């Protein structure tokens, strides 16, 4: 009887496609949305269909110049949970430099952006130009909007977009801080540059990734409107083009780890 009950429970789990016991998280990563409500809705639908269990938003949810109202920001972020059915405690939100406009003023009301972010998820950090760590299952991830150390040139925007706006941090300025992730970090997420991709940092041997942008009108008009999904069970990262059905880039952290080991071994080899 007990054996039959156990098999029935497992069958029920399979029927309703609930996650297996001990499974690692599947993390949806998006950022640089810049107020595109339709794109946000489409991305969250893709997260739901992909079985995403946690979400990391990397900032710049607001439009350029921070012109949209608090109500629009609230509506966009509320859809993460309403569409994906992911609880608030599994949603991590990083403010970007355009959220800074909401931290300063709007119709005479100060600091309205951060309370809205906190209403719909956990803040990675309260400082738009700083960084924080997100712990999800066995994964520890460093998250920042602005890169906190020098990054690979191919992830940089064109030179004219590397300057700061009055009263806020600059990309080149935060890179000079040379703050690198802790040794136990799985990988590092950056944003702001609107460039999708990844590289292994020569300073730390850690993977640095950028999900790209969902607003390609500025900085990088030829970039796909992209988001990322990290499946910790496969240790794989996939970049998706919002305008296409399949991913356009994939990396497996296991392969990257093996590559690092080979590099270290080769350093110890000297010619005869």
C-alpha atoms as a PDB file:
ATOM      1  CA  UNK A   1       0.000   0.000   0.000  1.00  0.00           C
ATOM      2  CA  UNK A   2       2.787   2.413   0.962  1.00  0.00           C
ATOM      3  CA  UNK A   3       4.668   1.584  -2.237  1.00  0.00           C
ATOM      4  CA  UNK A   4       1.546   2.226  -4.334  1.00  0.00           C
ATOM      5  CA  UNK A   5       0.967   5.560  -2.589  1.00  0.00           C
ATOM      6  CA  UNK A   6       4.566   6.665  -3.244  1.00  0.00           C
ATOM      7  CA  UNK A   7       4.277   5.776  -6.935  1.00  0.00           C
ATOM      8  CA  UNK A   8       0.937   7.616  -7.135  1.00  0.00           C
ATOM      9  CA  UNK A   9       2.462  10.761  -5.630  1.00  0.00           C
ATOM     10  CA  UNK A  10       5.308  10.650  -8.142  1.00  0.00           C
ATOM     11  CA  UNK A  11       2.809  10.156 -10.966  1.00  0.00           C
ATOM     12  CA  UNK A  12       0.824  13.162  -9.780  1.00  0.00           C
ATOM     13  CA  UNK A  13       3.977  15.281  -9.693  1.00  0.00           C
ATOM     14  CA  UNK A  14       4.797  14.247 -13.250  1.00  0.00           C
ATOM     15  CA  UNK A  15       1.227  14.916 -14.391  1.00  0.00           C
ATOM     16  CA  UNK A  16       1.191  18.473 -13.086  1.00  0.00           C
ATOM     17  CA  UNK A  17       4.847  19.073 -14.057  1.00  0.00           C
ATOM     18  CA  UNK A  18       5.895  20.132 -10.583  1.00  0.00           C
ATOM     19  CA  UNK A  19       9.670  20.432 -10.066  1.00  0.00           C
ATOM     20  CA  UNK A  20      11.422  17.283  -8.887  1.00  0.00           C
ATOM     21  CA  UNK A  21      12.728  17.051  -5.346  1.00  0.00           C
ATOM     22  CA  UNK A  22      16.089  18.765  -4.950  1.00  0.00           C
ATOM     23  CA  UNK A  23      16.011  20.496  -8.325  1.00  0.00           C
ATOM     24  CA  UNK A  24      18.041  23.674  -8.721  1.00  0.00           C
ATOM     25  CA  UNK A  25      16.395  26.966  -9.732  1.00  0.00           C
ATOM     26  CA  UNK A  26      15.736  28.267 -13.225  1.00  0.00           C
ATOM     27  CA  UNK A  27      16.459  32.009 -13.218  1.00  0.00           C
ATOM     28  CA  UNK A  28      15.053  34.549 -15.680  1.00  0.00           C
ATOM     29  CA  UNK A  29      17.246  37.642 -16.140  1.00  0.00           C
ATOM     30  CA  UNK A  30      16.181  40.874 -17.859  1.00  0.00           C
ATOM     31  CA  UNK A  31      17.052  44.562 -17.787  1.00  0.00           C
ATOM     32  CA  UNK A  32      17.351  47.860 -19.642  1.00  0.00           C
ATOM     33  CA  UNK A  33      13.644  47.720 -20.395  1.00  0.00           C
ATOM     34  CA  UNK A  34      13.218  51.504 -20.536  1.00  0.00           C
ATOM     35  CA  UNK A  35       9.468  51.518 -20.088  1.00  0.00           C
ATOM     36  CA  UNK A  36       8.508  49.122 -22.893  1.00  0.00           C
ATOM     37  CA  UNK A  37       5.401  47.631 -21.335  1.00  0.00           C
ATOM     38  CA  UNK A  38       4.665  45.281 -24.240  1.00  0.00           C
ATOM     39  CA  UNK A  39       8.213  43.889 -24.183  1.00  0.00           C
ATOM     40  CA  UNK A  40       7.979  43.332 -20.414  1.00  0.00           C
ATOM     41  CA  UNK A  41       4.745  41.388 -20.784  1.00  0.00           C
ATOM     42  CA  UNK A  42       6.226  39.243 -23.576  1.00  0.00           C
ATOM     43  CA  UNK A  43       9.372  38.452 -21.572  1.00  0.00           C
ATOM     44  CA  UNK A  44       7.392  37.449 -18.483  1.00  0.00           C
ATOM     45  CA  UNK A  45       5.234  35.169 -20.634  1.00  0.00           C
ATOM     46  CA  UNK A  46       8.390  33.520 -21.963  1.00  0.00           C
ATOM     47  CA  UNK A  47       9.645  33.087 -18.392  1.00  0.00           C
ATOM     48  CA  UNK A  48       6.400  31.354 -17.445  1.00  0.00           C
ATOM     49  CA  UNK A  49       6.522  28.980 -20.405  1.00  0.00           C
ATOM     50  CA  UNK A  50      10.186  28.159 -19.677  1.00  0.00           C
ATOM     51  CA  UNK A  51       9.418  27.151 -16.076  1.00  0.00           C
ATOM     52  CA  UNK A  52      11.410  29.996 -14.531  1.00  0.00           C
ATOM     53  CA  UNK A  53      11.380  29.824 -10.715  1.00  0.00           C
ATOM     54  CA  UNK A  54      13.217  33.072  -9.881  1.00  0.00           C
ATOM     55  CA  UNK A  55      13.661  36.431 -11.601  1.00  0.00           C
ATOM     56  CA  UNK A  56      16.502  38.966 -11.508  1.00  0.00           C
ATOM     57  CA  UNK A  57      15.807  42.429 -12.944  1.00  0.00           C
ATOM     58  CA  UNK A  58      18.993  44.414 -13.555  1.00  0.00           C
ATOM     59  CA  UNK A  59      17.569  47.950 -13.639  1.00  0.00           C
ATOM     60  CA  UNK A  60      16.615  50.776 -15.988  1.00  0.00           C
ATOM     61  CA  UNK A  61      12.972  49.776 -15.967  1.00  0.00           C
ATOM     62  CA  UNK A  62      12.130  53.470 -16.507  1.00  0.00           C
ATOM     63  CA  UNK A  63      12.064  55.340 -19.801  1.00  0.00           C
ATOM     64  CA  UNK A  64      14.825  57.728 -20.805  1.00  0.00           C
ATOM     65  CA  UNK A  65      14.569  60.923 -18.790  1.00  0.00           C
ATOM     66  CA  UNK A  66      12.448  58.998 -16.265  1.00  0.00           C
ATOM     67  CA  UNK A  67       9.320  60.455 -17.814  1.00  0.00           C
ATOM     68  CA  UNK A  68       6.785  57.760 -17.048  1.00  0.00           C
ATOM     69  CA  UNK A  69       4.664  57.903 -13.964  1.00  0.00           C
ATOM     70  CA  UNK A  70       5.046  55.760 -10.850  1.00  0.00           C
ATOM     71  CA  UNK A  71       1.822  54.014 -11.892  1.00  0.00           C
ATOM     72  CA  UNK A  72       3.419  52.664 -15.086  1.00  0.00           C
ATOM     73  CA  UNK A  73       6.499  51.388 -13.261  1.00  0.00           C
ATOM     74  CA  UNK A  74       4.218  49.757 -10.683  1.00  0.00           C
ATOM     75  CA  UNK A  75       2.137  48.143 -13.430  1.00  0.00           C
ATOM     76  CA  UNK A  76       5.170  46.767 -15.289  1.00  0.00           C
ATOM     77  CA  UNK A  77       6.809  45.249 -12.213  1.00  0.00           C
ATOM     78  CA  UNK A  78       3.528  43.836 -10.886  1.00  0.00           C
ATOM     79  CA  UNK A  79       3.294  41.701 -14.018  1.00  0.00           C
ATOM     80  CA  UNK A  80       6.381  39.699 -13.090  1.00  0.00           C
ATOM     81  CA  UNK A  81       4.434  37.901 -10.383  1.00  0.00           C
ATOM     82  CA  UNK A  82       0.975  38.055 -11.960  1.00  0.00           C
ATOM     83  CA  UNK A  83       2.156  36.463 -15.219  1.00  0.00           C
ATOM     84  CA  UNK A  84       4.859  34.055 -13.999  1.00  0.00           C
ATOM     85  CA  UNK A  85       3.124  33.197 -10.677  1.00  0.00           C
ATOM     86  CA  UNK A  86       6.519  33.562  -9.009  1.00  0.00           C
ATOM     87  CA  UNK A  87       6.217  34.845  -5.415  1.00  0.00           C
ATOM     88  CA  UNK A  88       7.717  38.181  -4.422  1.00  0.00           C
ATOM     89  CA  UNK A  89      10.439  36.524  -2.328  1.00  0.00           C
ATOM     90  CA  UNK A  90      11.814  34.897  -5.508  1.00  0.00           C
ATOM     91  CA  UNK A  91      12.061  38.189  -7.420  1.00  0.00           C
ATOM     92  CA  UNK A  92      15.222  40.311  -7.100  1.00  0.00           C
ATOM     93  CA  UNK A  93      15.311  43.864  -8.464  1.00  0.00           C
ATOM     94  CA  UNK A  94      18.348  46.082  -8.991  1.00  0.00           C
ATOM     95  CA  UNK A  95      17.773  49.831  -9.477  1.00  0.00           C
ATOM     96  CA  UNK A  96      19.450  51.425 -12.508  1.00  0.00           C
ATOM     97  CA  UNK A  97      20.529  54.968 -13.226  1.00  0.00           C
ATOM     98  CA  UNK A  98      17.102  55.848 -14.671  1.00  0.00           C
ATOM     99  CA  UNK A  99      15.480  54.724 -11.424  1.00  0.00           C
ATOM    100  CA  UNK A 100      17.589  57.485  -9.892  1.00  0.00           C
ATOM    101  CA  UNK A 101      15.148  59.988 -11.379  1.00  0.00           C
ATOM    102  CA  UNK A 102      12.441  58.286  -9.331  1.00  0.00           C
ATOM    103  CA  UNK A 103      14.692  58.435  -6.291  1.00  0.00           C
ATOM    104  CA  UNK A 104      14.963  62.196  -6.634  1.00  0.00           C
ATOM    105  CA  UNK A 105      11.553  63.618  -7.412  1.00  0.00           C
ATOM    106  CA  UNK A 106       8.297  63.269  -9.309  1.00  0.00           C
ATOM    107  CA  UNK A 107       5.653  65.948  -8.979  1.00  0.00           C
ATOM    108  CA  UNK A 108       7.274  66.968  -5.712  1.00  0.00           C
ATOM    109  CA  UNK A 109       7.289  63.421  -4.259  1.00  0.00           C
ATOM    110  CA  UNK A 110      10.748  62.118  -3.426  1.00  0.00           C
ATOM    111  CA  UNK A 111      12.078  58.564  -3.468  1.00  0.00           C
ATOM    112  CA  UNK A 112       9.115  56.870  -5.162  1.00  0.00           C
ATOM    113  CA  UNK A 113      11.046  54.365  -7.302  1.00  0.00           C
ATOM    114  CA  UNK A 114      12.608  52.202  -4.583  1.00  0.00           C
ATOM    115  CA  UNK A 115       9.316  51.650  -2.691  1.00  0.00           C
ATOM    116  CA  UNK A 116       7.761  50.410  -5.938  1.00  0.00           C
ATOM    117  CA  UNK A 117      10.663  48.008  -6.522  1.00  0.00           C
ATOM    118  CA  UNK A 118      10.337  46.770  -2.934  1.00  0.00           C
ATOM    119  CA  UNK A 119       6.612  46.238  -3.422  1.00  0.00           C
ATOM    120  CA  UNK A 120       7.255  43.691  -6.159  1.00  0.00           C
ATOM    121  CA  UNK A 121      10.509  42.022  -5.119  1.00  0.00           C
ATOM    122  CA  UNK A 122      13.635  42.138  -3.000  1.00  0.00           C
ATOM    123  CA  UNK A 123      16.123  44.945  -3.597  1.00  0.00           C
ATOM    124  CA  UNK A 124      19.589  43.743  -4.592  1.00  0.00           C
ATOM    125  CA  UNK A 125      20.912  47.039  -3.233  1.00  0.00           C
ATOM    126  CA  UNK A 126      19.448  50.493  -2.631  1.00  0.00           C
ATOM    127  CA  UNK A 127      22.291  52.206  -4.535  1.00  0.00           C
ATOM    128  CA  UNK A 128      21.836  52.330  -8.306  1.00  0.00           C
ATOM    129  CA  UNK A 129      25.587  52.559  -8.958  1.00  0.00           C
ATOM    130  CA  UNK A 130      26.629  49.845  -6.482  1.00  0.00           C
ATOM    131  CA  UNK A 131      26.246  46.053  -6.387  1.00  0.00           C
ATOM    132  CA  UNK A 132      24.853  43.226  -4.298  1.00  0.00           C
ATOM    133  CA  UNK A 133      24.733  39.453  -4.042  1.00  0.00           C
ATOM    134  CA  UNK A 134      21.733  37.270  -4.764  1.00  0.00           C
ATOM    135  CA  UNK A 135      21.612  33.810  -3.182  1.00  0.00           C
ATOM    136  CA  UNK A 136      19.251  31.374  -4.908  1.00  0.00           C
ATOM    137  CA  UNK A 137      19.556  27.720  -3.916  1.00  0.00           C
ATOM    138  CA  UNK A 138      23.229  26.832  -4.214  1.00  0.00           C
ATOM    139  CA  UNK A 139      23.840  29.760  -6.579  1.00  0.00           C
ATOM    140  CA  UNK A 140      25.484  32.974  -5.407  1.00  0.00           C
ATOM    141  CA  UNK A 141      25.408  35.694  -8.053  1.00  0.00           C
ATOM    142  CA  UNK A 142      26.935  39.169  -8.024  1.00  0.00           C
ATOM    143  CA  UNK A 143      24.518  41.673  -9.569  1.00  0.00           C
ATOM    144  CA  UNK A 144      25.123  45.299 -10.561  1.00  0.00           C
ATOM    145  CA  UNK A 145      23.661  47.727 -13.056  1.00  0.00           C
ATOM    146  CA  UNK A 146      26.956  49.532 -13.621  1.00  0.00           C
ATOM    147  CA  UNK A 147      30.024  47.262 -14.010  1.00  0.00           C
ATOM    148  CA  UNK A 148      32.156  47.562 -10.882  1.00  0.00           C
ATOM    149  CA  UNK A 149      35.463  46.762 -12.599  1.00  0.00           C
ATOM    150  CA  UNK A 150      36.987  46.927 -16.094  1.00  0.00           C
ATOM    151  CA  UNK A 151      35.079  44.753 -18.570  1.00  0.00           C
ATOM    152  CA  UNK A 152      35.761  43.263 -21.975  1.00  0.00           C
ATOM    153  CA  UNK A 153      35.608  45.927 -24.743  1.00  0.00           C
ATOM    154  CA  UNK A 154      33.019  43.949 -26.718  1.00  0.00           C
ATOM    155  CA  UNK A 155      30.473  44.523 -23.909  1.00  0.00           C
ATOM    156  CA  UNK A 156      31.015  48.291 -23.966  1.00  0.00           C
ATOM    157  CA  UNK A 157      28.617  50.653 -25.785  1.00  0.00           C
ATOM    158  CA  UNK A 158      29.903  53.140 -28.394  1.00  0.00           C
ATOM    159  CA  UNK A 159      32.161  55.860 -26.889  1.00  0.00           C
ATOM    160  CA  UNK A 160      29.466  58.543 -27.006  1.00  0.00           C
ATOM    161  CA  UNK A 161      27.360  56.486 -24.580  1.00  0.00           C
ATOM    162  CA  UNK A 162      30.097  55.961 -22.002  1.00  0.00           C
ATOM    163  CA  UNK A 163      29.763  59.443 -20.538  1.00  0.00           C
ATOM    164  CA  UNK A 164      27.686  60.231 -17.473  1.00  0.00           C
ATOM    165  CA  UNK A 165      24.617  62.419 -17.281  1.00  0.00           C
ATOM    166  CA  UNK A 166      24.752  65.365 -14.878  1.00  0.00           C
ATOM    167  CA  UNK A 167      24.351  64.301 -11.276  1.00  0.00           C
ATOM    168  CA  UNK A 168      24.808  60.557 -11.746  1.00  0.00           C
ATOM    169  CA  UNK A 169      27.517  57.929 -11.967  1.00  0.00           C
ATOM    170  CA  UNK A 170      29.424  57.165 -15.147  1.00  0.00           C
ATOM    171  CA  UNK A 171      30.247  53.807 -16.694  1.00  0.00           C
ATOM    172  CA  UNK A 172      33.961  54.552 -16.875  1.00  0.00           C
ATOM    173  CA  UNK A 173      33.891  55.839 -13.303  1.00  0.00           C
ATOM    174  CA  UNK A 174      32.375  52.723 -11.715  1.00  0.00           C
ATOM    175  CA  UNK A 175      34.690  50.475 -13.743  1.00  0.00           C
ATOM    176  CA  UNK A 176      37.663  52.122 -12.063  1.00  0.00           C
ATOM    177  CA  UNK A 177      36.513  50.885  -8.642  1.00  0.00           C
ATOM    178  CA  UNK A 178      37.911  47.443  -9.448  1.00  0.00           C
ATOM    179  CA  UNK A 179      35.454  45.647  -7.184  1.00  0.00           C
ATOM    180  CA  UNK A 180      35.451  41.967  -8.143  1.00  0.00           C
ATOM    181  CA  UNK A 181      33.075  39.164  -7.077  1.00  0.00           C
ATOM    182  CA  UNK A 182      33.658  36.925  -4.063  1.00  0.00           C
ATOM    183  CA  UNK A 183      35.483  33.640  -4.763  1.00  0.00           C
ATOM    184  CA  UNK A 184      32.324  31.562  -4.173  1.00  0.00           C
ATOM    185  CA  UNK A 185      30.233  33.410  -6.775  1.00  0.00           C
ATOM    186  CA  UNK A 186      28.758  31.278  -9.578  1.00  0.00           C
ATOM    187  CA  UNK A 187      28.878  34.154 -12.066  1.00  0.00           C
ATOM    188  CA  UNK A 188      28.444  37.927 -12.280  1.00  0.00           C
ATOM    189  CA  UNK A 189      25.633  39.882 -13.955  1.00  0.00           C
ATOM    190  CA  UNK A 190      26.117  43.415 -15.264  1.00  0.00           C
ATOM    191  CA  UNK A 191      23.820  45.685 -17.294  1.00  0.00           C
ATOM    192  CA  UNK A 192      23.677  49.292 -18.557  1.00  0.00           C
ATOM    193  CA  UNK A 193      25.815  48.806 -21.692  1.00  0.00           C
ATOM    194  CA  UNK A 194      22.992  47.293 -23.804  1.00  0.00           C
ATOM    195  CA  UNK A 195      25.400  44.637 -25.094  1.00  0.00           C
ATOM    196  CA  UNK A 196      24.424  40.980 -24.732  1.00  0.00           C
ATOM    197  CA  UNK A 197      27.173  38.450 -24.166  1.00  0.00           C
ATOM    198  CA  UNK A 198      29.649  36.953 -21.721  1.00  0.00           C
ATOM    199  CA  UNK A 199      33.339  36.504 -21.114  1.00  0.00           C
ATOM    200  CA  UNK A 200      35.621  34.953 -18.509  1.00  0.00           C
ATOM    201  CA  UNK A 201      37.329  37.714 -16.530  1.00  0.00           C
ATOM    202  CA  UNK A 202      41.107  37.337 -16.539  1.00  0.00           C
ATOM    203  CA  UNK A 203      41.401  38.833 -13.070  1.00  0.00           C
ATOM    204  CA  UNK A 204      39.080  36.395 -11.283  1.00  0.00           C
ATOM    205  CA  UNK A 205      38.374  33.555 -13.706  1.00  0.00           C
ATOM    206  CA  UNK A 206      34.665  34.262 -13.170  1.00  0.00           C
ATOM    207  CA  UNK A 207      32.057  34.481 -15.903  1.00  0.00           C
ATOM    208  CA  UNK A 208      30.671  38.008 -16.488  1.00  0.00           C
ATOM    209  CA  UNK A 209      27.339  38.157 -18.346  1.00  0.00           C
ATOM    210  CA  UNK A 210      25.012  40.830 -19.685  1.00  0.00           C
ATOM    211  CA  UNK A 211      21.484  39.907 -20.726  1.00  0.00           C
ATOM    212  CA  UNK A 212      21.445  42.828 -23.185  1.00  0.00           C
ATOM    213  CA  UNK A 213      18.628  45.288 -23.714  1.00  0.00           C
ATOM    214  CA  UNK A 214      14.925  45.182 -24.458  1.00  0.00           C
ATOM    215  CA  UNK A 215      15.138  48.702 -25.889  1.00  0.00           C
ATOM    216  CA  UNK A 216      17.559  48.826 -28.813  1.00  0.00           C
ATOM    217  CA  UNK A 217      16.618  52.274 -30.091  1.00  0.00           C
ATOM    218  CA  UNK A 218      19.581  53.851 -28.323  1.00  0.00           C
ATOM    219  CA  UNK A 219      23.207  52.897 -27.756  1.00  0.00           C
ATOM    220  CA  UNK A 220      23.090  49.657 -29.753  1.00  0.00           C
ATOM    221  CA  UNK A 221      20.378  49.705 -32.460  1.00  0.00           C
ATOM    222  CA  UNK A 222      21.652  46.485 -34.081  1.00  0.00           C
ATOM    223  CA  UNK A 223      21.450  44.435 -30.861  1.00  0.00           C
ATOM    224  CA  UNK A 224      18.597  41.923 -30.507  1.00  0.00           C
ATOM    225  CA  UNK A 225      15.945  42.645 -27.889  1.00  0.00           C
ATOM    226  CA  UNK A 226      17.278  40.058 -25.518  1.00  0.00           C
ATOM    227  CA  UNK A 227      16.842  38.412 -22.130  1.00  0.00           C
ATOM    228  CA  UNK A 228      18.524  35.467 -20.435  1.00  0.00           C
ATOM    229  CA  UNK A 229      17.575  32.239 -18.675  1.00  0.00           C
ATOM    230  CA  UNK A 230      19.993  30.392 -16.395  1.00  0.00           C
ATOM    231  CA  UNK A 231      19.146  26.753 -15.695  1.00  0.00           C
ATOM    232  CA  UNK A 232      21.177  25.734 -12.645  1.00  0.00           C
ATOM    233  CA  UNK A 233      20.295  22.069 -13.205  1.00  0.00           C
ATOM    234  CA  UNK A 234      22.175  22.097 -16.521  1.00  0.00           C
ATOM    235  CA  UNK A 235      24.467  24.941 -15.457  1.00  0.00           C
ATOM    236  CA  UNK A 236      23.599  26.584 -18.758  1.00  0.00           C
ATOM    237  CA  UNK A 237      22.911  30.177 -19.773  1.00  0.00           C
ATOM    238  CA  UNK A 238      20.761  30.956 -22.793  1.00  0.00           C
ATOM    239  CA  UNK A 239      20.228  34.328 -24.455  1.00  0.00           C
ATOM    240  CA  UNK A 240      16.868  34.741 -26.205  1.00  0.00           C
ATOM    241  CA  UNK A 241      15.819  37.217 -28.875  1.00  0.00           C
ATOM    242  CA  UNK A 242      12.354  38.502 -27.934  1.00  0.00           C
ATOM    243  CA  UNK A 243      11.451  38.666 -31.626  1.00  0.00           C
ATOM    244  CA  UNK A 244      12.350  35.024 -32.266  1.00  0.00           C
ATOM    245  CA  UNK A 245      11.282  31.724 -30.714  1.00  0.00           C
ATOM    246  CA  UNK A 246      14.665  30.179 -29.928  1.00  0.00           C
ATOM    247  CA  UNK A 247      17.839  31.198 -28.146  1.00  0.00           C
ATOM    248  CA  UNK A 248      20.690  32.739 -30.135  1.00  0.00           C
ATOM    249  CA  UNK A 249      23.505  32.047 -27.684  1.00  0.00           C
ATOM    250  CA  UNK A 250      24.238  29.344 -25.115  1.00  0.00           C
ATOM    251  CA  UNK A 251      27.009  28.794 -22.566  1.00  0.00           C
ATOM    252  CA  UNK A 252      27.515  25.947 -20.135  1.00  0.00           C
ATOM    253  CA  UNK A 253      29.348  26.809 -16.922  1.00  0.00           C
ATOM    254  CA  UNK A 254      30.786  23.285 -16.759  1.00  0.00           C
ATOM    255  CA  UNK A 255      32.598  23.825 -20.063  1.00  0.00           C
ATOM    256  CA  UNK A 256      33.861  27.209 -18.883  1.00  0.00           C
ATOM    257  CA  UNK A 257      35.179  25.621 -15.679  1.00  0.00           C
ATOM    258  CA  UNK A 258      37.048  22.968 -17.666  1.00  0.00           C
ATOM    259  CA  UNK A 259      38.538  25.679 -19.909  1.00  0.00           C
ATOM    260  CA  UNK A 260      39.828  27.561 -16.863  1.00  0.00           C
ATOM    261  CA  UNK A 261      41.433  24.374 -15.517  1.00  0.00           C
ATOM    262  CA  UNK A 262      43.156  23.746 -18.845  1.00  0.00           C
ATOM    263  CA  UNK A 263      44.459  27.312 -18.934  1.00  0.00           C
ATOM    264  CA  UNK A 264      45.872  26.991 -15.431  1.00  0.00           C
ATOM    265  CA  UNK A 265      47.509  23.674 -16.294  1.00  0.00           C
ATOM    266  CA  UNK A 266      49.066  25.099 -19.447  1.00  0.00           C
ATOM    267  CA  UNK A 267      50.591  27.954 -17.466  1.00  0.00           C
ATOM    268  CA  UNK A 268      52.657  25.389 -15.597  1.00  0.00           C
ATOM    269  CA  UNK A 269      54.052  23.793 -18.773  1.00  0.00           C
ATOM    270  CA  UNK A 270      57.488  24.994 -19.877  1.00  0.00           C
ATOM    271  CA  UNK A 271      59.172  24.187 -23.188  1.00  0.00           C
ATOM    272  CA  UNK A 272      61.822  21.445 -23.234  1.00  0.00           C
END
